[in-house]
């Protein structure tokens, strides 16, 4: 249960205010679109991307140890952060 709560809180906080949430908000702002369809599409997309992440992480863990994966993940976040800071 501890890993469930940790994963939930981490992903929940990471997703708040990101591009995905903003895109969903913009779709929902259109009065012509059914809100349940938007919610269902967004939820299914997030479930699918999470499933890909779990499967990829499980596959990579067969070849790389946990510390190496954490270093790669951390470095990836740093690179994206620097790119975001210096992009137009």
C-alpha atoms as a PDB file:
ATOM      1  CA  UNK A   1       0.000   0.000   0.000  1.00  0.00           C
ATOM      2  CA  UNK A   2       2.922   2.352   0.673  1.00  0.00           C
ATOM      3  CA  UNK A   3       4.147   2.199  -2.946  1.00  0.00           C
ATOM      4  CA  UNK A   4       0.567   2.775  -4.191  1.00  0.00           C
ATOM      5  CA  UNK A   5       0.237   5.935  -2.102  1.00  0.00           C
ATOM      6  CA  UNK A   6       3.721   7.121  -3.094  1.00  0.00           C
ATOM      7  CA  UNK A   7       3.034   6.547  -6.798  1.00  0.00           C
ATOM      8  CA  UNK A   8      -0.390   8.207  -6.551  1.00  0.00           C
ATOM      9  CA  UNK A   9       0.883  11.335  -4.801  1.00  0.00           C
ATOM     10  CA  UNK A  10       3.942  11.655  -7.037  1.00  0.00           C
ATOM     11  CA  UNK A  11       2.019  11.289 -10.293  1.00  0.00           C
ATOM     12  CA  UNK A  12      -0.904  13.403  -9.072  1.00  0.00           C
ATOM     13  CA  UNK A  13       1.382  16.307  -8.157  1.00  0.00           C
ATOM     14  CA  UNK A  14       3.428  15.934 -11.353  1.00  0.00           C
ATOM     15  CA  UNK A  15       0.300  16.061 -13.510  1.00  0.00           C
ATOM     16  CA  UNK A  16      -1.225  19.153 -11.858  1.00  0.00           C
ATOM     17  CA  UNK A  17      -0.953  22.107 -14.212  1.00  0.00           C
ATOM     18  CA  UNK A  18       0.968  20.247 -16.898  1.00  0.00           C
ATOM     19  CA  UNK A  19       0.248  20.346 -20.638  1.00  0.00           C
ATOM     20  CA  UNK A  20      -2.102  17.365 -20.380  1.00  0.00           C
ATOM     21  CA  UNK A  21      -4.305  19.039 -17.803  1.00  0.00           C
ATOM     22  CA  UNK A  22      -4.312  22.313 -19.716  1.00  0.00           C
ATOM     23  CA  UNK A  23      -5.287  20.524 -22.949  1.00  0.00           C
ATOM     24  CA  UNK A  24      -8.095  18.713 -21.120  1.00  0.00           C
ATOM     25  CA  UNK A  25      -9.258  22.006 -19.599  1.00  0.00           C
ATOM     26  CA  UNK A  26      -9.369  23.604 -23.057  1.00  0.00           C
ATOM     27  CA  UNK A  27     -11.401  20.729 -24.501  1.00  0.00           C
ATOM     28  CA  UNK A  28     -13.814  20.939 -21.558  1.00  0.00           C
ATOM     29  CA  UNK A  29     -14.207  24.706 -22.003  1.00  0.00           C
ATOM     30  CA  UNK A  30     -15.911  24.121 -25.361  1.00  0.00           C
ATOM     31  CA  UNK A  31     -19.660  24.007 -24.670  1.00  0.00           C
ATOM     32  CA  UNK A  32     -20.251  21.806 -27.715  1.00  0.00           C
ATOM     33  CA  UNK A  33     -18.221  18.880 -26.319  1.00  0.00           C
ATOM     34  CA  UNK A  34     -19.639  16.272 -23.966  1.00  0.00           C
ATOM     35  CA  UNK A  35     -17.671  16.500 -20.714  1.00  0.00           C
ATOM     36  CA  UNK A  36     -17.909  12.754 -20.033  1.00  0.00           C
ATOM     37  CA  UNK A  37     -16.404  11.990 -23.436  1.00  0.00           C
ATOM     38  CA  UNK A  38     -13.529  14.382 -22.725  1.00  0.00           C
ATOM     39  CA  UNK A  39     -13.010  12.869 -19.269  1.00  0.00           C
ATOM     40  CA  UNK A  40     -13.107   9.325 -20.672  1.00  0.00           C
ATOM     41  CA  UNK A  41     -10.654  10.118 -23.459  1.00  0.00           C
ATOM     42  CA  UNK A  42      -8.237  11.884 -21.114  1.00  0.00           C
ATOM     43  CA  UNK A  43      -8.482   9.139 -18.471  1.00  0.00           C
ATOM     44  CA  UNK A  44      -7.912   6.387 -21.035  1.00  0.00           C
ATOM     45  CA  UNK A  45      -4.909   8.249 -22.472  1.00  0.00           C
ATOM     46  CA  UNK A  46      -3.372   8.607 -18.998  1.00  0.00           C
ATOM     47  CA  UNK A  47      -4.030   4.941 -18.219  1.00  0.00           C
ATOM     48  CA  UNK A  48      -2.375   3.900 -21.502  1.00  0.00           C
ATOM     49  CA  UNK A  49       0.687   6.106 -20.987  1.00  0.00           C
ATOM     50  CA  UNK A  50       1.019   4.793 -17.433  1.00  0.00           C
ATOM     51  CA  UNK A  51       0.782   1.206 -18.688  1.00  0.00           C
ATOM     52  CA  UNK A  52       3.535   1.913 -21.222  1.00  0.00           C
ATOM     53  CA  UNK A  53       5.674   3.382 -18.433  1.00  0.00           C
ATOM     54  CA  UNK A  54       5.146   0.343 -16.200  1.00  0.00           C
ATOM     55  CA  UNK A  55       5.884  -2.122 -19.009  1.00  0.00           C
ATOM     56  CA  UNK A  56       8.956  -0.201 -20.161  1.00  0.00           C
ATOM     57  CA  UNK A  57      10.225   0.123 -16.592  1.00  0.00           C
ATOM     58  CA  UNK A  58       9.735  -3.590 -15.987  1.00  0.00           C
ATOM     59  CA  UNK A  59      11.549  -4.454 -19.222  1.00  0.00           C
ATOM     60  CA  UNK A  60      14.440  -2.081 -18.534  1.00  0.00           C
ATOM     61  CA  UNK A  61      14.827  -3.437 -15.016  1.00  0.00           C
ATOM     62  CA  UNK A  62      15.860  -6.764 -16.577  1.00  0.00           C
ATOM     63  CA  UNK A  63      18.918  -5.067 -18.090  1.00  0.00           C
ATOM     64  CA  UNK A  64      19.675  -2.137 -15.771  1.00  0.00           C
ATOM     65  CA  UNK A  65      19.723  -1.936 -11.996  1.00  0.00           C
ATOM     66  CA  UNK A  66      17.418   0.403 -10.075  1.00  0.00           C
ATOM     67  CA  UNK A  67      20.153   2.939  -9.322  1.00  0.00           C
ATOM     68  CA  UNK A  68      21.073   3.240 -13.016  1.00  0.00           C
ATOM     69  CA  UNK A  69      17.411   3.713 -13.945  1.00  0.00           C
ATOM     70  CA  UNK A  70      17.067   6.452 -11.300  1.00  0.00           C
ATOM     71  CA  UNK A  71      20.152   8.215 -12.650  1.00  0.00           C
ATOM     72  CA  UNK A  72      18.856   8.028 -16.232  1.00  0.00           C
ATOM     73  CA  UNK A  73      15.415   9.253 -15.148  1.00  0.00           C
ATOM     74  CA  UNK A  74      16.862  12.093 -13.080  1.00  0.00           C
ATOM     75  CA  UNK A  75      19.183  13.146 -15.876  1.00  0.00           C
ATOM     76  CA  UNK A  76      16.251  13.078 -18.284  1.00  0.00           C
ATOM     77  CA  UNK A  77      14.243  15.404 -16.035  1.00  0.00           C
ATOM     78  CA  UNK A  78      17.217  17.761 -15.739  1.00  0.00           C
ATOM     79  CA  UNK A  79      17.695  17.850 -19.525  1.00  0.00           C
ATOM     80  CA  UNK A  80      13.997  18.568 -20.094  1.00  0.00           C
ATOM     81  CA  UNK A  81      14.083  21.268 -17.403  1.00  0.00           C
ATOM     82  CA  UNK A  82      17.118  22.980 -18.929  1.00  0.00           C
ATOM     83  CA  UNK A  83      15.594  22.724 -22.399  1.00  0.00           C
ATOM     84  CA  UNK A  84      12.356  24.258 -21.077  1.00  0.00           C
ATOM     85  CA  UNK A  85      14.233  27.126 -19.411  1.00  0.00           C
ATOM     86  CA  UNK A  86      16.201  28.030 -22.522  1.00  0.00           C
ATOM     87  CA  UNK A  87      13.658  27.338 -25.279  1.00  0.00           C
ATOM     88  CA  UNK A  88      11.750  30.171 -26.870  1.00  0.00           C
END
